[in-house]
Amino acid sequence: MLSLIIITHNRRDELLLTLKSLKKQDMSFELIVVDNASNYSVDSLVKSCWPDAKLIELTSNEGVAGGRNAGINAAMGETLVFLDDDASFRDDNVLSLILKKFKDDSDLGILATNSYLVATGEPDFASIPRRDKKVSSVDYATSYFSGQGFAVRRDAIDKAGLFFEDYFYSCEEVDLSWRVLEISYKIVWATDIVVLHRQTPVARTPGRWFYYNARNRVWLAVRYLPWINVISYAVFWWIWLLIKSCKNLFIAEYIRGIVDCILGLPKILKDRKPLSHTTLKTIGDTNGRLFY
């Protein structure tokens, strides 16, 4: 069984487009919509398209990680597919292809998708899960995935654990990826599983990217990486984010992210579980990033 999970927050029109697009898929599936405390009820909208959908209405915004975890806990499928509320699959047989890939490869833990930007028709280079950001015409092993569309084997989630909710937003995908690699599952980017990302600015709070990256990037490194990498992560990201936040006039959010990062370190340190040498080598071998 396959479960498809959508997290939404204050994107009525985008959610409707995404729900309608799923009608074209060539197989049945369990649909779960998690509403992250939108300022309107999504019940009638969801049920108008999918009367049998499972709707979870959270009373507060639990972020990307918390919303996904709510969907996972409600899902019945052995294969879990996640799709952003401003994204759609390009092809009508995507879900069938996803199931086949998991069936054909018992070591596959996470399937990363090939994403294109609707506005330009170009590849979404930021979502390419490699350091070099080259567009590939063949599938390849990778060390992380991007969140606009992906699939996870339920067994991998059960063994590696859920998304780390303290992040709220940003770095939750890399965090889960490294834990999945640590239990010897692999992550594969698939060229023929294509997501069309509309990338709407609706509900994206200005400046939040600077805050969460200033905080979460260092938390991620502290949780899993050797101390030398923790230092390089902090130096690189904090300098780079300082420059960008000054240019974009979000210096207050940047500083607040660093302060909250430092204040949260005692809790993060309690959960520190450095990755094995095998996993670190896998990340390096798959063109992943360890020093920044």
C-alpha atoms as a PDB file:
ATOM      1  CA  MET A   1       0.000   0.000   0.000  1.00  0.00           C
ATOM      2  CA  LEU A   2       1.152   3.540  -0.783  1.00  0.00           C
ATOM      3  CA  SER A   3       0.309   6.610   1.306  1.00  0.00           C
ATOM      4  CA  LEU A   4       0.709  10.112  -0.114  1.00  0.00           C
ATOM      5  CA  ILE A   5       1.154  12.897   2.444  1.00  0.00           C
ATOM      6  CA  ILE A   6       0.691  16.626   1.800  1.00  0.00           C
ATOM      7  CA  ILE A   7       1.459  19.305   4.386  1.00  0.00           C
ATOM      8  CA  THR A   8      -0.298  22.623   3.892  1.00  0.00           C
ATOM      9  CA  HIS A   9      -0.441  26.031   5.537  1.00  0.00           C
ATOM     10  CA  ASN A  10      -2.440  28.991   4.189  1.00  0.00           C
ATOM     11  CA  ARG A  11      -2.166  27.994   0.526  1.00  0.00           C
ATOM     12  CA  ARG A  12      -5.749  27.370  -0.492  1.00  0.00           C
ATOM     13  CA  ASP A  13      -5.329  27.838  -4.255  1.00  0.00           C
ATOM     14  CA  GLU A  14      -2.050  25.949  -4.459  1.00  0.00           C
ATOM     15  CA  LEU A  15      -3.400  23.037  -2.446  1.00  0.00           C
ATOM     16  CA  LEU A  16      -6.410  22.801  -4.745  1.00  0.00           C
ATOM     17  CA  LEU A  17      -4.166  22.649  -7.824  1.00  0.00           C
ATOM     18  CA  THR A  18      -2.058  19.920  -6.252  1.00  0.00           C
ATOM     19  CA  LEU A  19      -5.064  17.850  -5.182  1.00  0.00           C
ATOM     20  CA  LYS A  20      -6.621  18.076  -8.653  1.00  0.00           C
ATOM     21  CA  SER A  21      -3.359  17.024 -10.298  1.00  0.00           C
ATOM     22  CA  LEU A  22      -3.273  13.810  -8.260  1.00  0.00           C
ATOM     23  CA  LYS A  23      -6.522  12.662  -9.875  1.00  0.00           C
ATOM     24  CA  LYS A  24      -4.468  11.747 -12.962  1.00  0.00           C
ATOM     25  CA  GLN A  25      -2.362   9.101 -11.213  1.00  0.00           C
ATOM     26  CA  ASP A  26      -2.835   5.589 -12.611  1.00  0.00           C
ATOM     27  CA  MET A  27      -3.238   3.782  -9.279  1.00  0.00           C
ATOM     28  CA  SER A  28      -5.150   4.113  -6.027  1.00  0.00           C
ATOM     29  CA  PHE A  29      -3.463   5.331  -2.860  1.00  0.00           C
ATOM     30  CA  GLU A  30      -4.183   6.603   0.623  1.00  0.00           C
ATOM     31  CA  LEU A  31      -4.216  10.413   0.678  1.00  0.00           C
ATOM     32  CA  ILE A  32      -3.373  12.243   3.894  1.00  0.00           C
ATOM     33  CA  VAL A  33      -3.546  16.031   4.149  1.00  0.00           C
ATOM     34  CA  VAL A  34      -2.034  17.663   7.220  1.00  0.00           C
ATOM     35  CA  ASP A  35      -3.181  21.237   7.807  1.00  0.00           C
ATOM     36  CA  ASN A  36      -0.564  23.137   9.821  1.00  0.00           C
ATOM     37  CA  ALA A  37      -3.099  25.457  11.488  1.00  0.00           C
ATOM     38  CA  SER A  38      -4.133  27.485   8.455  1.00  0.00           C
ATOM     39  CA  ASN A  39      -6.262  30.569   9.099  1.00  0.00           C
ATOM     40  CA  TYR A  40      -9.198  28.873   7.341  1.00  0.00           C
ATOM     41  CA  SER A  41     -10.680  25.378   7.379  1.00  0.00           C
ATOM     42  CA  VAL A  42      -9.380  23.140   4.605  1.00  0.00           C
ATOM     43  CA  ASP A  43     -11.995  20.451   5.235  1.00  0.00           C
ATOM     44  CA  SER A  44     -14.464  21.396   2.486  1.00  0.00           C
ATOM     45  CA  LEU A  45     -11.667  22.050  -0.013  1.00  0.00           C
ATOM     46  CA  VAL A  46     -10.031  18.664   0.541  1.00  0.00           C
ATOM     47  CA  LYS A  47     -13.278  16.706   0.649  1.00  0.00           C
ATOM     48  CA  SER A  48     -14.529  18.359  -2.547  1.00  0.00           C
ATOM     49  CA  CYS A  49     -11.635  16.709  -4.415  1.00  0.00           C
ATOM     50  CA  TRP A  50     -10.971  13.665  -2.252  1.00  0.00           C
ATOM     51  CA  PRO A  51     -13.983  12.567  -0.158  1.00  0.00           C
ATOM     52  CA  ASP A  52     -11.978   9.637   1.232  1.00  0.00           C
ATOM     53  CA  ALA A  53      -8.900  11.664   2.153  1.00  0.00           C
ATOM     54  CA  LYS A  54      -7.655  11.498   5.716  1.00  0.00           C
ATOM     55  CA  LEU A  55      -7.488  15.066   7.017  1.00  0.00           C
ATOM     56  CA  ILE A  56      -5.422  16.014  10.058  1.00  0.00           C
ATOM     57  CA  GLU A  57      -6.030  19.554  11.314  1.00  0.00           C
ATOM     58  CA  LEU A  58      -3.321  20.607  13.764  1.00  0.00           C
ATOM     59  CA  THR A  59      -4.209  23.273  16.324  1.00  0.00           C
ATOM     60  CA  SER A  60      -0.839  25.000  15.954  1.00  0.00           C
ATOM     61  CA  ASN A  61       1.768  25.246  13.213  1.00  0.00           C
ATOM     62  CA  GLU A  62       4.181  22.398  13.942  1.00  0.00           C
ATOM     63  CA  GLY A  63       6.459  23.241  11.036  1.00  0.00           C
ATOM     64  CA  VAL A  64       7.566  21.027   8.179  1.00  0.00           C
ATOM     65  CA  ALA A  65       9.038  18.354  10.444  1.00  0.00           C
ATOM     66  CA  GLY A  66       6.098  18.215  12.842  1.00  0.00           C
ATOM     67  CA  GLY A  67       3.548  18.230  10.042  1.00  0.00           C
ATOM     68  CA  ARG A  68       5.267  15.389   8.225  1.00  0.00           C
ATOM     69  CA  ASN A  69       5.481  13.367  11.417  1.00  0.00           C
ATOM     70  CA  ALA A  70       1.753  13.794  11.969  1.00  0.00           C
ATOM     71  CA  GLY A  71       1.162  12.441   8.466  1.00  0.00           C
ATOM     72  CA  ILE A  72       3.532   9.510   9.010  1.00  0.00           C
ATOM     73  CA  ASN A  73       1.817   8.550  12.251  1.00  0.00           C
ATOM     74  CA  ALA A  74      -1.552   8.476  10.473  1.00  0.00           C
ATOM     75  CA  ALA A  75      -0.376   6.622   7.355  1.00  0.00           C
ATOM     76  CA  MET A  76      -1.066   2.944   6.694  1.00  0.00           C
ATOM     77  CA  GLY A  77       1.234   2.478   3.700  1.00  0.00           C
ATOM     78  CA  GLU A  78       4.548   0.673   3.513  1.00  0.00           C
ATOM     79  CA  THR A  79       5.681   3.294   1.007  1.00  0.00           C
ATOM     80  CA  LEU A  80       5.284   6.941   2.032  1.00  0.00           C
ATOM     81  CA  VAL A  81       5.281   9.635  -0.652  1.00  0.00           C
ATOM     82  CA  PHE A  82       5.503  13.315   0.292  1.00  0.00           C
ATOM     83  CA  LEU A  83       4.509  16.193  -1.965  1.00  0.00           C
ATOM     84  CA  ASP A  84       4.565  19.925  -1.200  1.00  0.00           C
ATOM     85  CA  ASP A  85       1.255  21.751  -1.509  1.00  0.00           C
ATOM     86  CA  ASP A  86       2.711  23.887  -4.323  1.00  0.00           C
ATOM     87  CA  ALA A  87       4.019  20.976  -6.395  1.00  0.00           C
ATOM     88  CA  SER A  88       2.672  18.352  -8.789  1.00  0.00           C
ATOM     89  CA  PHE A  89       3.983  15.243 -10.513  1.00  0.00           C
ATOM     90  CA  ARG A  90       4.744  15.672 -14.193  1.00  0.00           C
ATOM     91  CA  ASP A  91       3.655  12.188 -15.232  1.00  0.00           C
ATOM     92  CA  ASP A  92       0.538  10.150 -14.513  1.00  0.00           C
ATOM     93  CA  ASN A  93       2.435   6.968 -13.629  1.00  0.00           C
ATOM     94  CA  VAL A  94       4.793   8.410 -11.015  1.00  0.00           C
ATOM     95  CA  LEU A  95       3.333   6.513  -8.068  1.00  0.00           C
ATOM     96  CA  SER A  96       3.532   3.216  -9.957  1.00  0.00           C
ATOM     97  CA  LEU A  97       7.170   3.966 -10.827  1.00  0.00           C
ATOM     98  CA  ILE A  98       7.948   4.740  -7.193  1.00  0.00           C
ATOM     99  CA  LEU A  99       6.484   1.443  -6.022  1.00  0.00           C
ATOM    100  CA  LYS A 100       8.455  -0.443  -8.652  1.00  0.00           C
ATOM    101  CA  LYS A 101      11.741   1.170  -7.626  1.00  0.00           C
ATOM    102  CA  PHE A 102      11.244   0.188  -4.002  1.00  0.00           C
ATOM    103  CA  LYS A 103      10.184  -3.322  -4.985  1.00  0.00           C
ATOM    104  CA  ASP A 104      13.184  -3.807  -7.260  1.00  0.00           C
ATOM    105  CA  ASP A 105      15.730  -2.592  -4.677  1.00  0.00           C
ATOM    106  CA  SER A 106      15.320  -3.811  -1.111  1.00  0.00           C
ATOM    107  CA  ASP A 107      18.192  -1.553   0.028  1.00  0.00           C
ATOM    108  CA  LEU A 108      16.453   1.617  -1.174  1.00  0.00           C
ATOM    109  CA  GLY A 109      15.410   3.706   1.829  1.00  0.00           C
ATOM    110  CA  ILE A 110      14.639   7.107   0.309  1.00  0.00           C
ATOM    111  CA  LEU A 111      13.848   8.107  -3.264  1.00  0.00           C
ATOM    112  CA  ALA A 112      14.757  11.685  -4.191  1.00  0.00           C
ATOM    113  CA  THR A 113      12.947  13.253  -7.137  1.00  0.00           C
ATOM    114  CA  ASN A 114      13.973  15.305 -10.155  1.00  0.00           C
ATOM    115  CA  SER A 115      12.499  18.789  -9.731  1.00  0.00           C
ATOM    116  CA  TYR A 116      11.752  21.501 -12.285  1.00  0.00           C
ATOM    117  CA  LEU A 117      10.588  25.070 -11.659  1.00  0.00           C
ATOM    118  CA  VAL A 118       7.234  25.800 -13.291  1.00  0.00           C
ATOM    119  CA  ALA A 119       7.979  29.523 -13.667  1.00  0.00           C
ATOM    120  CA  THR A 120      11.039  28.989 -15.854  1.00  0.00           C
ATOM    121  CA  GLY A 121      10.851  25.366 -16.998  1.00  0.00           C
ATOM    122  CA  GLU A 122      14.440  24.924 -15.828  1.00  0.00           C
ATOM    123  CA  PRO A 123      15.785  22.350 -13.375  1.00  0.00           C
ATOM    124  CA  ASP A 124      15.514  23.356  -9.726  1.00  0.00           C
ATOM    125  CA  PHE A 125      19.285  23.407  -9.225  1.00  0.00           C
ATOM    126  CA  ALA A 126      18.990  24.141  -5.501  1.00  0.00           C
ATOM    127  CA  SER A 127      17.196  20.819  -4.998  1.00  0.00           C
ATOM    128  CA  ILE A 128      19.832  18.685  -6.758  1.00  0.00           C
ATOM    129  CA  PRO A 129      21.250  16.548  -3.918  1.00  0.00           C
ATOM    130  CA  ARG A 130      24.900  16.805  -4.930  1.00  0.00           C
ATOM    131  CA  ARG A 131      27.651  19.296  -4.218  1.00  0.00           C
ATOM    132  CA  ASP A 132      28.323  19.946  -7.914  1.00  0.00           C
ATOM    133  CA  LYS A 133      24.643  20.575  -8.859  1.00  0.00           C
ATOM    134  CA  LYS A 134      25.049  18.947 -12.261  1.00  0.00           C
ATOM    135  CA  VAL A 135      21.910  17.756 -14.049  1.00  0.00           C
ATOM    136  CA  SER A 136      22.120  14.005 -14.641  1.00  0.00           C
ATOM    137  CA  SER A 137      20.357  11.813 -17.186  1.00  0.00           C
ATOM    138  CA  VAL A 138      20.695   8.681 -15.037  1.00  0.00           C
ATOM    139  CA  ASP A 139      19.769   7.712 -11.485  1.00  0.00           C
ATOM    140  CA  TYR A 140      22.516   8.035  -8.892  1.00  0.00           C
ATOM    141  CA  ALA A 141      23.151   7.332  -5.216  1.00  0.00           C
ATOM    142  CA  THR A 142      23.149  10.436  -3.053  1.00  0.00           C
ATOM    143  CA  SER A 143      23.405  11.426   0.609  1.00  0.00           C
ATOM    144  CA  TYR A 144      20.257  13.524   1.032  1.00  0.00           C
ATOM    145  CA  PHE A 145      17.024  14.604  -0.636  1.00  0.00           C
ATOM    146  CA  SER A 146      15.039  17.789  -1.192  1.00  0.00           C
ATOM    147  CA  GLY A 147      11.605  18.098   0.325  1.00  0.00           C
ATOM    148  CA  GLN A 148       9.268  19.294  -2.439  1.00  0.00           C
ATOM    149  CA  GLY A 149       8.702  15.653  -3.438  1.00  0.00           C
ATOM    150  CA  PHE A 150      10.224  12.403  -2.173  1.00  0.00           C
ATOM    151  CA  ALA A 151       9.377   8.862  -1.075  1.00  0.00           C
ATOM    152  CA  VAL A 152      10.464   6.835   1.957  1.00  0.00           C
ATOM    153  CA  ARG A 153      10.284   3.145   2.781  1.00  0.00           C
ATOM    154  CA  ARG A 154       8.239   2.789   5.974  1.00  0.00           C
ATOM    155  CA  ASP A 155      10.760   0.373   7.453  1.00  0.00           C
ATOM    156  CA  ALA A 156      13.493   2.997   7.086  1.00  0.00           C
ATOM    157  CA  ILE A 157      11.409   5.519   9.056  1.00  0.00           C
ATOM    158  CA  ASP A 158      10.590   2.930  11.720  1.00  0.00           C
ATOM    159  CA  LYS A 159      14.277   2.132  12.227  1.00  0.00           C
ATOM    160  CA  ALA A 160      15.858   5.557  11.741  1.00  0.00           C
ATOM    161  CA  GLY A 161      13.159   7.555  13.505  1.00  0.00           C
ATOM    162  CA  LEU A 162      10.876  10.419  12.566  1.00  0.00           C
ATOM    163  CA  PHE A 163      11.839  13.912  11.421  1.00  0.00           C
ATOM    164  CA  PHE A 164      13.576  15.959  14.127  1.00  0.00           C
ATOM    165  CA  GLU A 165      10.868  18.435  15.102  1.00  0.00           C
ATOM    166  CA  ASP A 166      13.087  20.964  16.890  1.00  0.00           C
ATOM    167  CA  TYR A 167      14.259  22.193  13.480  1.00  0.00           C
ATOM    168  CA  PHE A 168      10.699  23.254  12.561  1.00  0.00           C
ATOM    169  CA  TYR A 169      11.921  24.121   9.075  1.00  0.00           C
ATOM    170  CA  SER A 170      15.247  23.580   7.237  1.00  0.00           C
ATOM    171  CA  CYS A 171      17.767  20.745   7.687  1.00  0.00           C
ATOM    172  CA  GLU A 172      15.126  18.163   8.654  1.00  0.00           C
ATOM    173  CA  GLU A 173      15.666  16.332   5.352  1.00  0.00           C
ATOM    174  CA  VAL A 174      19.449  16.081   5.698  1.00  0.00           C
ATOM    175  CA  ASP A 175      19.039  14.971   9.311  1.00  0.00           C
ATOM    176  CA  LEU A 176      16.747  12.090   8.342  1.00  0.00           C
ATOM    177  CA  SER A 177      18.929  11.231   5.347  1.00  0.00           C
ATOM    178  CA  TRP A 178      22.037  10.743   7.464  1.00  0.00           C
ATOM    179  CA  ARG A 179      20.152   8.541   9.923  1.00  0.00           C
ATOM    180  CA  VAL A 180      18.813   6.422   7.071  1.00  0.00           C
ATOM    181  CA  LEU A 181      22.336   6.009   5.671  1.00  0.00           C
ATOM    182  CA  GLU A 182      23.544   5.069   9.147  1.00  0.00           C
ATOM    183  CA  ILE A 183      21.214   2.034   9.206  1.00  0.00           C
ATOM    184  CA  SER A 184      22.582   0.902   5.816  1.00  0.00           C
ATOM    185  CA  TYR A 185      19.733   1.949   3.580  1.00  0.00           C
ATOM    186  CA  LYS A 186      20.620   3.993   0.511  1.00  0.00           C
ATOM    187  CA  ILE A 187      19.203   7.138  -1.027  1.00  0.00           C
ATOM    188  CA  VAL A 188      18.738   7.378  -4.791  1.00  0.00           C
ATOM    189  CA  TRP A 189      17.923  10.377  -6.974  1.00  0.00           C
ATOM    190  CA  ALA A 190      15.625   9.287  -9.812  1.00  0.00           C
ATOM    191  CA  THR A 191      15.721  11.115 -13.130  1.00  0.00           C
ATOM    192  CA  ASP A 192      12.315   9.771 -14.244  1.00  0.00           C
ATOM    193  CA  ILE A 193      10.387  10.777 -11.096  1.00  0.00           C
ATOM    194  CA  VAL A 194       9.715  14.424 -11.943  1.00  0.00           C
ATOM    195  CA  VAL A 195       8.129  17.025  -9.678  1.00  0.00           C
ATOM    196  CA  LEU A 196       6.943  20.374 -11.044  1.00  0.00           C
ATOM    197  CA  HIS A 197       7.504  22.968  -8.322  1.00  0.00           C
ATOM    198  CA  ARG A 198       5.415  26.123  -8.519  1.00  0.00           C
ATOM    199  CA  GLN A 199       7.410  27.562  -5.575  1.00  0.00           C
ATOM    200  CA  THR A 200       4.793  30.029  -4.393  1.00  0.00           C
ATOM    201  CA  PRO A 201       5.848  32.745  -1.923  1.00  0.00           C
ATOM    202  CA  VAL A 202       2.496  32.461  -0.107  1.00  0.00           C
ATOM    203  CA  ALA A 203       2.964  31.599   3.601  1.00  0.00           C
ATOM    204  CA  ARG A 204       6.739  31.974   3.358  1.00  0.00           C
ATOM    205  CA  THR A 205       7.571  34.425   6.157  1.00  0.00           C
ATOM    206  CA  PRO A 206      10.243  36.903   4.985  1.00  0.00           C
ATOM    207  CA  GLY A 207      13.522  36.306   6.750  1.00  0.00           C
ATOM    208  CA  ARG A 208      12.707  32.926   8.219  1.00  0.00           C
ATOM    209  CA  TRP A 209      15.206  31.176   5.926  1.00  0.00           C
ATOM    210  CA  PHE A 210      18.033  33.201   7.468  1.00  0.00           C
ATOM    211  CA  TYR A 211      16.889  32.515  11.016  1.00  0.00           C
ATOM    212  CA  TYR A 212      16.430  28.761  10.635  1.00  0.00           C
ATOM    213  CA  ASN A 213      19.614  28.198   8.645  1.00  0.00           C
ATOM    214  CA  ALA A 214      21.723  30.217  11.086  1.00  0.00           C
ATOM    215  CA  ARG A 215      20.342  28.037  13.874  1.00  0.00           C
ATOM    216  CA  ASN A 216      19.755  24.631  12.311  1.00  0.00           C
ATOM    217  CA  ARG A 217      22.897  24.184  10.211  1.00  0.00           C
ATOM    218  CA  VAL A 218      25.078  24.182  13.299  1.00  0.00           C
ATOM    219  CA  TRP A 219      22.623  22.016  15.254  1.00  0.00           C
ATOM    220  CA  LEU A 220      22.775  19.467  12.423  1.00  0.00           C
ATOM    221  CA  ALA A 221      26.560  19.375  12.513  1.00  0.00           C
ATOM    222  CA  VAL A 222      26.646  19.082  16.312  1.00  0.00           C
ATOM    223  CA  ARG A 223      24.216  16.173  16.230  1.00  0.00           C
ATOM    224  CA  TYR A 224      26.201  14.051  13.773  1.00  0.00           C
ATOM    225  CA  LEU A 225      29.585  15.290  12.568  1.00  0.00           C
ATOM    226  CA  PRO A 226      33.151  15.166  13.908  1.00  0.00           C
ATOM    227  CA  TRP A 227      34.066  18.330  15.814  1.00  0.00           C
ATOM    228  CA  ILE A 228      36.331  19.585  13.033  1.00  0.00           C
ATOM    229  CA  ASN A 229      33.323  19.535  10.729  1.00  0.00           C
ATOM    230  CA  VAL A 230      31.160  21.257  13.331  1.00  0.00           C
ATOM    231  CA  ILE A 231      33.647  24.124  13.386  1.00  0.00           C
ATOM    232  CA  SER A 232      33.829  24.356   9.590  1.00  0.00           C
ATOM    233  CA  TYR A 233      30.013  24.225   9.323  1.00  0.00           C
ATOM    234  CA  ALA A 234      29.595  27.075  11.792  1.00  0.00           C
ATOM    235  CA  VAL A 235      32.305  29.240  10.223  1.00  0.00           C
ATOM    236  CA  PHE A 236      31.126  28.751   6.658  1.00  0.00           C
ATOM    237  CA  TRP A 237      27.381  29.122   7.225  1.00  0.00           C
ATOM    238  CA  TRP A 238      27.544  32.010   9.673  1.00  0.00           C
ATOM    239  CA  ILE A 239      29.880  34.051   7.471  1.00  0.00           C
ATOM    240  CA  TRP A 240      27.954  33.288   4.278  1.00  0.00           C
ATOM    241  CA  LEU A 241      24.587  33.981   5.933  1.00  0.00           C
ATOM    242  CA  LEU A 242      25.903  37.231   7.423  1.00  0.00           C
ATOM    243  CA  ILE A 243      26.802  38.498   3.966  1.00  0.00           C
ATOM    244  CA  LYS A 244      23.468  37.448   2.455  1.00  0.00           C
ATOM    245  CA  SER A 245      21.393  38.708   5.379  1.00  0.00           C
ATOM    246  CA  CYS A 246      23.056  42.125   5.136  1.00  0.00           C
ATOM    247  CA  LYS A 247      22.345  42.279   1.404  1.00  0.00           C
ATOM    248  CA  ASN A 248      18.711  41.242   1.941  1.00  0.00           C
ATOM    249  CA  LEU A 249      18.153  43.323   5.095  1.00  0.00           C
ATOM    250  CA  PHE A 250      17.466  40.362   7.364  1.00  0.00           C
ATOM    251  CA  ILE A 251      20.336  40.860   9.790  1.00  0.00           C
ATOM    252  CA  ALA A 252      18.008  40.790  12.833  1.00  0.00           C
ATOM    253  CA  GLU A 253      16.698  37.345  11.863  1.00  0.00           C
ATOM    254  CA  TYR A 254      20.243  36.127  11.284  1.00  0.00           C
ATOM    255  CA  ILE A 255      21.442  37.308  14.705  1.00  0.00           C
ATOM    256  CA  ARG A 256      18.385  35.810  16.405  1.00  0.00           C
ATOM    257  CA  GLY A 257      19.139  32.485  14.710  1.00  0.00           C
ATOM    258  CA  ILE A 258      22.692  32.438  16.056  1.00  0.00           C
ATOM    259  CA  VAL A 259      21.538  33.367  19.571  1.00  0.00           C
ATOM    260  CA  ASP A 260      18.882  30.628  19.601  1.00  0.00           C
ATOM    261  CA  CYS A 261      21.397  28.168  18.166  1.00  0.00           C
ATOM    262  CA  ILE A 262      23.759  28.776  21.077  1.00  0.00           C
ATOM    263  CA  LEU A 263      20.960  28.707  23.658  1.00  0.00           C
ATOM    264  CA  GLY A 264      19.725  25.379  22.282  1.00  0.00           C
ATOM    265  CA  LEU A 265      23.125  23.658  22.196  1.00  0.00           C
ATOM    266  CA  PRO A 266      22.854  21.992  25.646  1.00  0.00           C
ATOM    267  CA  LYS A 267      19.787  20.066  24.493  1.00  0.00           C
ATOM    268  CA  ILE A 268      21.323  19.254  21.104  1.00  0.00           C
ATOM    269  CA  LEU A 269      24.493  17.964  22.737  1.00  0.00           C
ATOM    270  CA  LYS A 270      22.491  15.481  24.803  1.00  0.00           C
ATOM    271  CA  ASP A 271      21.319  13.854  21.552  1.00  0.00           C
ATOM    272  CA  ARG A 272      24.722  13.910  19.850  1.00  0.00           C
ATOM    273  CA  LYS A 273      25.342  10.660  17.958  1.00  0.00           C
ATOM    274  CA  PRO A 274      28.315  11.028  15.590  1.00  0.00           C
ATOM    275  CA  LEU A 275      27.994   9.217  12.289  1.00  0.00           C
ATOM    276  CA  SER A 276      30.091   6.119  11.699  1.00  0.00           C
ATOM    277  CA  HIS A 277      33.160   6.271   9.455  1.00  0.00           C
ATOM    278  CA  THR A 278      31.211   4.166   6.942  1.00  0.00           C
ATOM    279  CA  THR A 279      28.416   6.715   6.711  1.00  0.00           C
ATOM    280  CA  LEU A 280      30.850   9.633   6.513  1.00  0.00           C
ATOM    281  CA  LYS A 281      32.608   7.872   3.642  1.00  0.00           C
ATOM    282  CA  THR A 282      29.259   7.269   1.902  1.00  0.00           C
ATOM    283  CA  ILE A 283      28.453  10.969   2.129  1.00  0.00           C
ATOM    284  CA  GLY A 284      31.815  11.860   0.623  1.00  0.00           C
ATOM    285  CA  ASP A 285      31.609   9.207  -2.074  1.00  0.00           C
ATOM    286  CA  THR A 286      28.173  10.419  -3.193  1.00  0.00           C
ATOM    287  CA  ASN A 287      29.333  14.009  -3.676  1.00  0.00           C
ATOM    288  CA  GLY A 288      27.835  15.149  -0.376  1.00  0.00           C
ATOM    289  CA  ARG A 289      28.989  17.976   1.893  1.00  0.00           C
ATOM    290  CA  LEU A 290      30.747  17.393   5.197  1.00  0.00           C
ATOM    291  CA  PHE A 291      32.653  20.623   5.722  1.00  0.00           C
ATOM    292  CA  TYR A 292      29.863  23.090   4.959  1.00  0.00           C
END
